[in-house]
C-alpha cells in the first residue's frame, strides 16, 4: 500500500537521496529530533504573533494541536535515538529553514504573519515528501514504521498552516503568495548541501 500523498511541491526529491542519508541513521534521527523541537516552538510562537483576543476562530486550538503533535514526534525520535545508542548533536543548523525565512516580508503586519505561516507549511510539506522517500527506501522495519507514522501528521500540518494563512489575508492573495513561495522553495532545496539531514540537498 502506497504512503504517497498529493504534494504541492515543485521539485521532487531524487530517488538517490534516501539511501544516501539512511547510511547515517543516528545522525538523521538527531536531526529529526531537533526539527521536531523547533517545529513545536514555532507553533507556540504563533500565539505571540497573533494575540488570542484578536485571533480567528479555532486559531488557538489549531496552534496548540500542532505543537502537541510535534512534541509527541520529538519524544518518539528521542526514544529511538536513545534505544540505538545515539545522542543529540551538540549544535544543530537547518540552512534550508534559514533560507526560507529570508523570504518573510518582515515588519509588514499581516503579510509578515501570513508568510511565516506559509513558510511553516512549506517545511511541513517538504518533510512529508522526505518521509515518503525514506519509507520507500528504508530496510529497517522500526525506522520505516517511525517515518511512515509521521507522514499523515505532516501532511495535515501543511494544509492547516495554509488554511490559517487564509484567515490572515484574503484567500486569493494567499494563493498567489503560496504559488510564489513554492517556486522559491524548489530553488532553495536544490541548493542545500548534502548530508544526513531531512532537508539536505538531493544531489
Protein backbone atom coordinates (compact mmCIF):
# COMPACT_ATOMS: atom_id res chain seq x y z
CA UNK A 1 0.00 0.00 0.00
CA UNK A 2 1.45 3.36 -1.02
CA UNK A 3 2.01 6.07 1.58
CA UNK A 4 2.39 8.80 -1.03
CA UNK A 5 0.29 11.95 -0.62
CA UNK A 6 -0.51 14.55 -3.23
CA UNK A 7 2.30 17.08 -2.86
CA UNK A 8 2.20 20.77 -3.83
CA UNK A 9 6.00 20.89 -4.18
CA UNK A 10 7.54 21.96 -7.47
CA UNK A 11 10.72 19.92 -7.07
CA UNK A 12 10.62 16.23 -6.23
CA UNK A 13 13.41 14.64 -4.23
CA UNK A 14 15.57 12.28 -6.25
CA UNK A 15 15.43 8.54 -5.62
CA UNK A 16 19.11 8.63 -4.61
CA UNK A 17 18.55 10.92 -1.62
CA UNK A 18 17.02 8.46 0.86
CA UNK A 19 19.52 5.57 0.51
CA UNK A 20 22.34 8.06 0.95
CA UNK A 21 21.05 9.71 4.16
CA UNK A 22 19.98 6.35 5.61
CA UNK A 23 23.63 5.36 5.70
CA UNK A 24 23.83 7.51 8.86
CA UNK A 25 20.56 6.71 10.67
CA UNK A 26 21.61 8.09 14.06
CA UNK A 27 22.61 11.45 12.61
CA UNK A 28 19.32 11.52 10.72
CA UNK A 29 17.37 10.80 13.92
CA UNK A 30 19.27 13.51 15.78
CA UNK A 31 18.39 15.97 13.02
CA UNK A 32 14.75 14.85 13.19
CA UNK A 33 14.62 15.40 16.95
CA UNK A 34 15.90 18.96 16.57
CA UNK A 35 13.42 19.63 13.76
CA UNK A 36 10.52 18.44 15.92
CA UNK A 37 11.66 20.63 18.82
CA UNK A 38 11.89 23.66 16.56
CA UNK A 39 8.52 22.88 14.98
CA UNK A 40 6.84 22.73 18.39
CA UNK A 41 8.45 26.04 19.40
CA UNK A 42 7.47 27.58 16.08
CA UNK A 43 3.82 26.61 16.55
CA UNK A 44 3.72 28.13 20.03
CA UNK A 45 5.36 31.31 18.74
CA UNK A 46 2.24 31.97 16.66
CA UNK A 47 0.40 32.55 19.95
CA UNK A 48 2.63 35.60 20.44
CA UNK A 49 2.37 36.79 16.85
CA UNK A 50 -1.42 36.95 16.98
CA UNK A 51 -2.87 37.72 20.45
CA UNK A 52 -5.74 35.46 21.42
CA UNK A 53 -8.19 38.34 21.83
CA UNK A 54 -7.89 39.08 18.09
CA UNK A 55 -7.39 35.54 16.84
CA UNK A 56 -9.73 33.97 14.26
CA UNK A 57 -11.94 31.03 15.21
CA UNK A 58 -10.05 27.86 16.10
CA UNK A 59 -6.67 29.66 15.96
CA UNK A 60 -5.62 28.68 19.48
CA UNK A 61 -6.80 25.09 19.21
CA UNK A 62 -5.07 24.67 15.82
CA UNK A 63 -1.77 26.05 17.07
CA UNK A 64 -1.85 24.01 20.27
CA UNK A 65 -2.73 20.83 18.35
CA UNK A 66 0.27 21.27 16.04
CA UNK A 67 2.58 21.96 18.99
CA UNK A 68 1.25 18.84 20.72
CA UNK A 69 1.87 16.68 17.64
CA UNK A 70 5.40 17.96 17.22
CA UNK A 71 6.20 17.36 20.89
CA UNK A 72 4.92 13.79 20.57
CA UNK A 73 7.13 13.31 17.49
CA UNK A 74 10.11 14.69 19.43
CA UNK A 75 9.57 12.07 22.15
CA UNK A 76 9.44 9.29 19.56
CA UNK A 77 12.62 10.48 17.85
CA UNK A 78 14.48 10.77 21.15
CA UNK A 79 13.29 7.34 22.27
CA UNK A 80 14.58 5.75 19.07
CA UNK A 81 17.84 7.66 19.23
CA UNK A 82 18.46 6.61 22.84
CA UNK A 83 17.45 2.99 22.18
CA UNK A 84 20.01 2.79 19.38
CA UNK A 85 22.82 4.29 21.40
CA UNK A 86 22.80 7.63 19.62
CA UNK A 87 22.84 11.12 21.07
CA UNK A 88 21.82 14.59 20.08
CA UNK A 89 24.48 16.59 18.30
CA UNK A 90 25.73 19.48 20.43
CA UNK A 91 24.60 22.02 17.87
CA UNK A 92 22.11 21.98 15.05
CA UNK A 93 21.73 24.06 11.92
CA UNK A 94 19.00 23.98 9.31
CA UNK A 95 20.14 26.20 6.41
CA UNK A 96 17.02 25.20 4.46
CA UNK A 97 14.73 26.81 7.05
CA UNK A 98 17.03 29.81 7.37
CA UNK A 99 16.91 30.38 3.61
CA UNK A 100 13.12 30.07 3.56
CA UNK A 101 12.66 32.56 6.40
CA UNK A 102 14.63 35.15 4.46
CA UNK A 103 11.54 35.33 2.22
CA UNK A 104 9.32 36.62 5.03
CA UNK A 105 8.09 40.17 4.49
CA UNK A 106 9.24 41.26 7.93
CA UNK A 107 7.60 44.15 9.73
CA UNK A 108 4.63 44.23 7.37
CA UNK A 109 1.91 43.18 9.76
CA UNK A 110 -0.44 40.58 8.37
CA UNK A 111 1.82 39.94 5.37
CA UNK A 112 4.62 39.07 7.79
CA UNK A 113 2.38 36.67 9.73
CA UNK A 114 0.93 35.09 6.56
CA UNK A 115 4.44 34.49 5.21
CA UNK A 116 5.52 32.82 8.43
CA UNK A 117 2.51 30.51 8.24
CA UNK A 118 3.18 29.67 4.60
CA UNK A 119 6.88 29.04 5.29
CA UNK A 120 5.80 26.66 8.05
CA UNK A 121 3.50 24.96 5.53
CA UNK A 122 6.38 24.57 3.07
CA UNK A 123 8.63 22.98 5.69
CA UNK A 124 5.89 20.53 6.67
CA UNK A 125 5.14 19.65 3.04
CA UNK A 126 8.83 19.05 2.28
CA UNK A 127 9.22 16.96 5.43
CA UNK A 128 6.21 14.87 4.41
CA UNK A 129 7.72 14.26 0.98
CA UNK A 130 11.06 13.31 2.51
CA UNK A 131 9.41 10.83 4.89
CA UNK A 132 7.73 9.17 1.91
CA UNK A 133 11.13 8.74 0.28
CA UNK A 134 12.59 7.30 3.47
CA UNK A 135 9.76 4.77 3.82
CA UNK A 136 10.26 3.66 0.22
CA UNK A 137 13.98 3.01 0.76
CA UNK A 138 14.35 2.02 4.41
CA UNK A 139 15.09 -1.65 5.06
CA UNK A 140 14.95 -1.18 8.83
CA UNK A 141 11.35 -2.00 9.84
CA UNK A 142 11.43 0.06 13.04
CA UNK A 143 12.74 3.17 11.31
CA UNK A 144 10.37 2.68 8.39
CA UNK A 145 7.42 2.49 10.78
CA UNK A 146 8.60 5.65 12.54
CA UNK A 147 8.83 7.69 9.35
CA UNK A 148 5.58 6.27 7.98
CA UNK A 149 3.84 7.36 11.17
CA UNK A 150 4.89 10.97 10.56
CA UNK A 151 3.52 11.29 7.02
CA UNK A 152 -0.17 11.82 7.74
CA UNK A 153 0.55 14.29 10.52
CA UNK A 154 2.96 16.43 8.48
CA UNK A 155 0.59 16.42 5.53
CA UNK A 156 -2.20 17.64 7.79
CA UNK A 157 0.00 20.33 9.30
CA UNK A 158 0.95 21.83 5.96
CA UNK A 159 -2.70 22.06 4.95
CA UNK A 160 -3.66 23.57 8.30
CA UNK A 161 -0.94 26.24 8.08
CA UNK A 162 -2.20 27.26 4.62
CA UNK A 163 -5.77 27.41 5.93
CA UNK A 164 -4.60 29.52 8.86
CA UNK A 165 -2.88 31.93 6.45
CA UNK A 166 -6.21 32.35 4.65
CA UNK A 167 -7.67 33.64 7.92
CA UNK A 168 -5.00 36.33 7.98
CA UNK A 169 -5.25 37.61 4.38
CA UNK A 170 -7.81 37.09 1.57
CA UNK A 171 -7.70 33.61 0.04
CA UNK A 172 -6.77 34.86 -3.43
CA UNK A 173 -3.83 36.85 -2.06
CA UNK A 174 -2.64 33.77 -0.18
CA UNK A 175 -2.94 31.57 -3.28
CA UNK A 176 -0.75 33.97 -5.27
CA UNK A 177 1.83 34.20 -2.49
CA UNK A 178 1.78 30.42 -1.96
CA UNK A 179 2.49 29.81 -5.65
CA UNK A 180 5.45 32.20 -5.49
CA UNK A 181 6.87 30.62 -2.35
CA UNK A 182 6.57 27.14 -3.85
CA UNK A 183 8.75 28.27 -6.74
CA UNK A 184 11.30 29.75 -4.36
CA UNK A 185 11.31 26.63 -2.18
CA UNK A 186 12.14 24.48 -5.21
CA UNK A 187 15.26 26.58 -5.80
CA UNK A 188 16.25 26.57 -2.15
CA UNK A 189 16.00 22.81 -1.59
CA UNK A 190 18.09 22.11 -4.68
CA UNK A 191 20.86 24.36 -3.39
CA UNK A 192 21.18 22.73 0.03
CA UNK A 193 24.39 20.91 0.97
CA UNK A 194 24.27 17.12 1.15
CA UNK A 195 24.35 15.22 4.43
CA UNK A 196 22.27 13.09 6.82
CA UNK A 197 19.53 15.67 7.31
CA UNK A 198 15.83 15.67 6.45
CA UNK A 199 16.22 18.91 4.48
CA UNK A 200 19.60 18.27 2.87
CA UNK A 201 20.20 18.59 -0.84
CA UNK A 202 19.23 15.68 -3.07
CA UNK A 203 22.45 15.53 -5.05
